[in-house]
Amino acid sequence: MSSISNFQELIAHLSLRNERKRVAIVCATDSSTQSAVARALHDGFIDAIFVGPKAPVEANPDIASHIDHVNYIETSDSDEAAFLAVQLIREGKADILMKGLINTDNLLHAVLNKEHGILPRGQVLTHLTASSIPGYSKFLFFSDAAVIPYPTQEQRIEQVRYIAKLCRDFGIAEPKISLIHCSEKVGGKFFPFTERYGEIIESGRGGEFGPCVIDGPLDLKTSCCKESLDKKGIQSPLDGAADALIFPDIEAGNVFYKTITLFCQADTAGILAGTIAPVVLPSRSDDQKCKYYSLALAAINA
C-alpha cells in the first residue's frame, strides 16, 4: 500500500477497498451529521445504524436513497441512545461510534462506563487529528487537542503508540514522530516533561511502537521545515519532515488545531483512540466536511 497524502486519496482508497464499516450514530437529528453520513453512504465506505429519533433522519432523501445500507434503533431518550449505540460496539455489531446532536458529556458517560463502556481497563483515552494543510505535502497527524489536559509520561507513551499505528494505517511504513516543545533544548526547570522525552525516543529505537522514527524536543518549525532545521544547525532524523506531532499539553494542541483551521484553511478529521473502536466526536463548530472526513479517518482506523 502506497502512502495516502490527502483526504481525496483517502476517500479514493476507501471506495476502492469496497468494504463498508458499520457506524452507530447517536441522535443524528442535525443537518451536518446527516449530510456527512449521507456522503459516506454514497461513497460506499459505511453502513449506518441510526440510534435515536427516527423521523428526522428517515425524512432526509439523501439518506433514504441508501435504504439498503441503513438501519434504525428508535428511542427519544438521548442517554438511552448513547447506551444502545455503545452496546452495539461492545457486541461487535458496529465498528465505529459517532456523535450526533447529543451533549458530549452524555455520550462520554456511556463510552467510559466501567461496566458497559468501551474503554478497556488500563487503556488511555486520547484524541488524534489528521490535518491536510496547504503548503505541507502530506498529512500531518497530531495529538492531543481535545482530551488530556497535561499528559503524564505513561499517557504520552500511549499517544505515540496510537499515532504511530494511525500513520501506518495510511501506508506510512516508518512514520516520523516529533515530540514538540517551544525549543530544541531539554528544560527540566520549567518544563520537566522534556526530561523524559529521551526515554520515549529510546523506546522507539527499541521497537516498542513498531517501525517509526522519534525525535525531540523539537519546535514546530524544525519538525516540519528542513530549511529551519538547517538554519539552526540541528541534526534530526526527522529531517524537517514530520508525519506526526505529539504536543506537550492540550493548550498547545488545541491552539495549533484552531490556528490551522482558521488561518490556513486546513481540512481536519478527528477521532478518539484507546476505545475498542474509534469514536467520531466532533465539536459543535465542526462542519459537514470535517465530520465526513472524520468518518473516513475512523473507517481506515477501525
Protein backbone atom coordinates (compact mmCIF):
# COMPACT_ATOMS: atom_id res chain seq x y z
CA MET A 1 0.00 0.00 0.00
CA SER A 2 1.41 3.39 -1.01
CA SER A 3 1.09 6.24 1.47
CA ILE A 4 -2.06 8.35 1.48
CA SER A 5 -1.21 12.07 1.36
CA ASN A 6 -4.56 13.89 1.45
CA PHE A 7 -8.27 13.39 2.03
CA GLN A 8 -9.06 12.92 -1.65
CA GLU A 9 -6.63 10.00 -1.78
CA LEU A 10 -8.13 8.64 1.45
CA ILE A 11 -11.66 8.64 0.03
CA ALA A 12 -10.45 7.04 -3.19
CA HIS A 13 -8.66 4.34 -1.20
CA LEU A 14 -11.75 3.58 0.89
CA SER A 15 -14.00 3.46 -2.17
CA LEU A 16 -11.66 1.08 -3.99
CA ARG A 17 -11.36 -1.14 -0.93
CA ASN A 18 -15.07 -1.91 -1.26
CA GLU A 19 -15.52 -2.53 2.46
CA ARG A 20 -18.27 -0.89 4.46
CA LYS A 21 -17.71 -0.19 8.16
CA ARG A 22 -20.80 -0.20 10.38
CA VAL A 23 -21.29 3.16 12.09
CA ALA A 24 -23.58 3.64 15.09
CA ILE A 25 -24.66 7.28 15.03
CA VAL A 26 -26.17 8.70 18.21
CA CYS A 27 -29.02 11.22 17.75
CA ALA A 28 -28.31 12.21 14.14
CA THR A 29 -31.00 14.89 14.10
CA ASP A 30 -28.74 17.75 12.93
CA SER A 31 -28.19 18.53 9.27
CA SER A 32 -24.38 18.43 9.29
CA THR A 33 -24.25 14.92 10.76
CA GLN A 34 -26.88 13.69 8.33
CA SER A 35 -25.05 15.26 5.38
CA ALA A 36 -21.73 13.72 6.42
CA VAL A 37 -23.27 10.26 6.84
CA ALA A 38 -25.18 10.53 3.55
CA ARG A 39 -21.97 11.42 1.72
CA ALA A 40 -20.13 8.46 3.27
CA LEU A 41 -23.03 6.17 2.34
CA HIS A 42 -22.86 7.46 -1.23
CA ASP A 43 -19.10 6.86 -1.37
CA GLY A 44 -19.63 3.30 -0.20
CA PHE A 45 -17.39 3.01 2.85
CA ILE A 46 -20.00 2.84 5.64
CA ASP A 47 -23.29 1.27 6.62
CA ALA A 48 -25.28 3.46 9.02
CA ILE A 49 -27.13 2.47 12.17
CA PHE A 50 -29.06 5.48 13.43
CA VAL A 51 -29.75 5.27 17.15
CA GLY A 52 -32.21 7.87 18.44
CA PRO A 53 -35.17 9.72 16.94
CA LYS A 54 -36.07 8.10 13.63
CA ALA A 55 -38.42 10.52 11.88
CA PRO A 56 -35.99 13.45 11.31
CA VAL A 57 -33.42 11.11 9.78
CA GLU A 58 -35.80 8.99 7.75
CA ALA A 59 -37.20 12.16 6.14
CA ASN A 60 -33.80 13.03 4.64
CA PRO A 61 -33.95 11.99 0.96
CA ASP A 62 -30.16 11.65 0.69
CA ILE A 63 -30.25 9.01 3.42
CA ALA A 64 -33.47 7.39 2.22
CA SER A 65 -31.85 6.75 -1.17
CA HIS A 66 -29.40 4.37 0.54
CA ILE A 67 -32.03 2.44 2.47
CA ASP A 68 -30.28 -0.92 1.80
CA HIS A 69 -27.35 0.31 3.90
CA VAL A 70 -29.33 1.95 6.70
CA ASN A 71 -30.83 0.61 9.92
CA TYR A 72 -32.66 2.31 12.78
CA ILE A 73 -32.89 1.78 16.52
CA GLU A 74 -35.51 4.23 17.68
CA THR A 75 -35.56 5.98 21.03
CA SER A 76 -36.43 9.51 22.06
CA ASP A 77 -34.10 9.48 25.07
CA SER A 78 -30.55 10.62 24.26
CA ASP A 79 -28.94 8.79 27.18
CA GLU A 80 -30.62 5.56 26.13
CA ALA A 81 -29.46 6.19 22.56
CA ALA A 82 -25.87 6.55 23.76
CA PHE A 83 -26.11 3.38 25.83
CA LEU A 84 -27.59 1.37 22.95
CA ALA A 85 -25.01 2.63 20.45
CA VAL A 86 -22.15 1.75 22.80
CA GLN A 87 -23.74 -1.65 23.32
CA LEU A 88 -23.62 -2.24 19.56
CA ILE A 89 -19.86 -1.63 19.66
CA ARG A 90 -19.39 -3.96 22.65
CA GLU A 91 -21.35 -6.72 20.97
CA GLY A 92 -19.40 -6.44 17.72
CA LYS A 93 -22.44 -5.21 15.78
CA ALA A 94 -20.86 -1.85 14.88
CA ASP A 95 -17.29 -0.83 14.06
CA ILE A 96 -17.41 2.94 14.69
CA LEU A 97 -19.29 5.17 17.14
CA MET A 98 -20.32 8.67 16.03
CA LYS A 99 -21.73 11.59 17.99
CA GLY A 100 -24.68 13.47 16.56
CA LEU A 101 -26.80 16.05 18.36
CA ILE A 102 -26.09 14.88 21.90
CA ASN A 103 -24.11 16.52 24.66
CA THR A 104 -20.52 15.27 24.67
CA ASP A 105 -20.62 14.56 28.40
CA ASN A 106 -23.68 12.34 27.95
CA LEU A 107 -22.03 10.30 25.21
CA LEU A 108 -18.75 10.00 27.10
CA HIS A 109 -20.65 8.83 30.18
CA ALA A 110 -21.75 5.81 28.14
CA VAL A 111 -18.34 5.35 26.48
CA LEU A 112 -16.48 5.42 29.82
CA ASN A 113 -18.97 3.41 31.87
CA LYS A 114 -16.88 0.93 33.87
CA GLU A 115 -19.31 -1.94 33.36
CA HIS A 116 -20.85 -1.28 29.96
CA GLY A 117 -18.44 1.15 28.26
CA ILE A 118 -15.87 0.63 25.50
CA LEU A 119 -12.64 1.85 27.11
CA PRO A 120 -10.78 -1.27 28.34
CA ARG A 121 -9.34 -1.07 31.83
CA GLY A 122 -5.86 0.43 31.74
CA GLN A 123 -6.23 1.94 28.28
CA VAL A 124 -5.59 5.66 27.73
CA LEU A 125 -8.30 7.75 26.05
CA THR A 126 -6.84 10.40 23.78
CA HIS A 127 -7.67 12.38 20.64
CA LEU A 128 -5.97 12.02 17.26
CA THR A 129 -6.24 14.53 14.44
CA ALA A 130 -5.35 14.18 10.76
CA SER A 131 -4.80 17.50 9.02
CA SER A 132 -4.25 18.47 5.42
CA ILE A 133 -2.56 21.87 5.49
CA PRO A 134 -1.99 23.97 2.36
CA GLY A 135 1.76 24.14 1.80
CA TYR A 136 2.56 20.84 3.52
CA SER A 137 2.94 18.00 1.05
CA LYS A 138 1.39 15.26 3.15
CA PHE A 139 -0.91 14.58 6.07
CA LEU A 140 0.20 15.92 9.43
CA PHE A 141 -1.18 13.93 12.36
CA PHE A 142 -1.17 15.22 15.93
CA SER A 143 -2.28 14.55 19.49
CA ASP A 144 -3.86 15.74 21.73
CA ALA A 145 -6.12 18.73 21.04
CA ALA A 146 -9.21 17.70 22.96
CA VAL A 147 -8.94 15.17 25.80
CA ILE A 148 -5.85 15.05 28.05
CA PRO A 149 -5.01 18.39 29.72
CA TYR A 150 -1.46 17.60 30.85
CA PRO A 151 -0.31 14.14 29.72
CA THR A 152 1.67 12.02 32.12
CA GLN A 153 4.66 10.13 30.76
CA GLU A 154 2.53 6.99 30.55
CA GLN A 155 -0.20 8.81 28.64
CA ARG A 156 2.33 10.39 26.28
CA ILE A 157 3.76 6.94 25.53
CA GLU A 158 0.29 5.73 24.53
CA GLN A 159 -0.24 8.82 22.36
CA VAL A 160 2.93 7.90 20.49
CA ARG A 161 1.77 4.29 20.17
CA TYR A 162 -1.66 5.25 18.82
CA ILE A 163 -0.38 7.83 16.37
CA ALA A 164 2.33 5.53 15.04
CA LYS A 165 -0.32 2.92 14.27
CA LEU A 166 -2.57 5.53 12.65
CA CYS A 167 0.27 6.66 10.39
CA ARG A 168 0.87 3.07 9.32
CA ASP A 169 -2.87 2.73 8.57
CA PHE A 170 -2.21 5.46 6.00
CA GLY A 171 0.61 3.49 4.41
CA ILE A 172 3.47 5.36 6.09
CA ALA A 173 5.90 2.49 6.65
CA GLU A 174 8.15 4.31 9.12
CA PRO A 175 6.39 7.41 10.46
CA LYS A 176 8.46 10.34 11.69
CA ILE A 177 7.11 11.49 15.05
CA SER A 178 8.15 14.73 16.75
CA LEU A 179 7.88 15.38 20.49
CA ILE A 180 7.00 19.07 20.47
CA HIS A 181 8.39 21.77 22.75
CA CYS A 182 8.99 25.52 22.36
CA SER A 183 12.69 24.89 21.73
CA GLU A 184 15.11 22.10 20.95
CA LYS A 185 16.57 22.03 24.44
CA VAL A 186 15.53 19.97 27.41
CA GLY A 187 14.35 22.42 30.05
CA GLY A 188 13.88 20.50 33.27
CA LYS A 189 13.49 23.55 35.49
CA PHE A 190 10.36 24.93 33.82
CA PHE A 191 9.37 22.04 31.52
CA PRO A 192 10.14 18.84 33.44
CA PHE A 193 8.25 16.64 30.97
CA THR A 194 11.00 17.27 28.39
CA GLU A 195 13.48 15.38 30.56
CA ARG A 196 11.66 12.13 29.77
CA TYR A 197 11.37 12.66 26.02
CA GLY A 198 14.65 10.75 25.75
CA GLU A 199 13.06 7.67 27.29
CA ILE A 200 10.38 7.67 24.60
CA ILE A 201 12.99 8.08 21.87
CA GLU A 202 14.96 5.15 23.23
CA SER A 203 11.82 3.02 23.46
CA GLY A 204 11.12 3.85 19.83
CA ARG A 205 14.60 2.75 18.83
CA GLY A 206 13.99 -0.48 20.70
CA GLY A 207 10.89 -1.19 18.63
CA GLU A 208 8.20 -0.60 21.26
CA PHE A 209 6.00 1.38 18.85
CA GLY A 210 6.74 -0.63 15.71
CA PRO A 211 8.67 0.85 12.79
CA CYS A 212 8.98 4.60 13.40
CA VAL A 213 11.47 7.41 13.97
CA ILE A 214 11.01 9.61 17.05
CA ASP A 215 12.88 12.77 17.98
CA GLY A 216 12.53 15.70 20.34
CA PRO A 217 12.29 18.09 21.86
CA LEU A 218 11.81 19.99 18.62
CA ASP A 219 9.77 23.08 17.92
CA LEU A 220 7.10 23.09 15.24
CA LYS A 221 9.24 24.68 12.51
CA THR A 222 12.23 22.41 12.96
CA SER A 223 9.84 19.45 12.98
CA CYS A 224 8.20 20.34 9.68
CA CYS A 225 10.64 22.57 7.79
CA LYS A 226 14.07 21.33 6.71
CA GLU A 227 15.22 24.88 5.94
CA SER A 228 14.51 25.94 9.52
CA LEU A 229 16.27 22.83 10.83
CA ASP A 230 19.36 23.52 8.70
CA LYS A 231 19.48 27.21 9.61
CA LYS A 232 19.60 26.30 13.29
CA GLY A 233 22.29 23.70 12.64
CA ILE A 234 20.25 20.96 14.25
CA GLN A 235 20.74 17.30 13.38
CA SER A 236 17.49 15.33 13.50
CA PRO A 237 16.47 12.01 11.93
CA LEU A 238 13.11 13.62 11.16
CA ASP A 239 14.91 15.86 8.66
CA GLY A 240 12.22 18.56 8.91
CA ALA A 241 9.56 16.24 7.51
CA ALA A 242 7.48 15.07 10.47
CA ASP A 243 4.43 12.92 9.84
CA ALA A 244 3.10 13.34 13.37
CA LEU A 245 3.38 15.71 16.32
CA ILE A 246 2.90 14.93 20.00
CA PHE A 247 2.05 18.17 21.77
CA PRO A 248 3.13 18.76 25.37
CA ASP A 249 -0.39 19.60 26.57
CA ILE A 250 -3.94 20.26 25.42
CA GLU A 251 -3.40 24.03 25.27
CA ALA A 252 -0.65 23.73 22.66
CA GLY A 253 -2.55 21.10 20.68
CA ASN A 254 -5.83 22.98 20.72
CA VAL A 255 -4.29 26.31 19.75
CA PHE A 256 -2.49 24.61 16.86
CA TYR A 257 -5.74 22.97 15.73
CA LYS A 258 -7.69 26.21 15.82
CA THR A 259 -4.89 28.14 14.12
CA ILE A 260 -4.51 25.85 11.12
CA THR A 261 -8.25 25.64 10.55
CA LEU A 262 -8.93 29.38 10.96
CA PHE A 263 -5.92 30.98 9.29
CA CYS A 264 -4.64 28.22 6.98
CA GLN A 265 -7.99 26.75 5.86
CA ALA A 266 -6.69 23.30 6.74
CA ASP A 267 -9.01 20.33 6.42
CA THR A 268 -9.09 18.13 9.52
CA ALA A 269 -10.52 14.91 10.85
CA GLY A 270 -10.51 13.64 14.40
CA ILE A 271 -11.23 10.50 16.40
CA LEU A 272 -10.94 9.26 19.95
CA ALA A 273 -8.42 6.46 20.35
CA GLY A 274 -7.93 3.92 23.14
CA THR A 275 -11.50 2.64 22.94
CA ILE A 276 -12.22 -0.77 21.40
CA ALA A 277 -13.49 1.04 18.30
CA PRO A 278 -12.80 4.55 17.01
CA VAL A 279 -15.18 7.27 18.17
CA VAL A 280 -16.06 10.24 15.97
CA LEU A 281 -16.66 13.01 18.48
CA PRO A 282 -17.00 16.30 16.55
CA SER A 283 -17.17 19.64 18.29
CA ARG A 284 -20.12 21.99 17.93
CA SER A 285 -18.18 24.14 15.46
CA ASP A 286 -17.25 21.29 13.10
CA ASP A 287 -18.95 21.43 9.71
CA GLN A 288 -20.21 18.68 7.46
CA LYS A 289 -16.88 18.26 5.69
CA CYS A 290 -14.95 17.78 8.93
CA LYS A 291 -17.46 15.17 10.12
CA TYR A 292 -17.31 13.38 6.77
CA TYR A 293 -13.51 13.28 6.81
CA SER A 294 -13.63 12.09 10.43
CA LEU A 295 -15.82 9.18 9.33
CA ALA A 296 -13.24 8.37 6.67
CA LEU A 297 -10.45 8.54 9.26
CA ALA A 298 -12.38 6.21 11.56
CA ALA A 299 -13.08 3.82 8.68
CA ILE A 300 -9.41 3.33 7.85
CA ASN A 301 -8.53 3.02 11.56
CA ALA A 302 -11.34 0.63 12.53
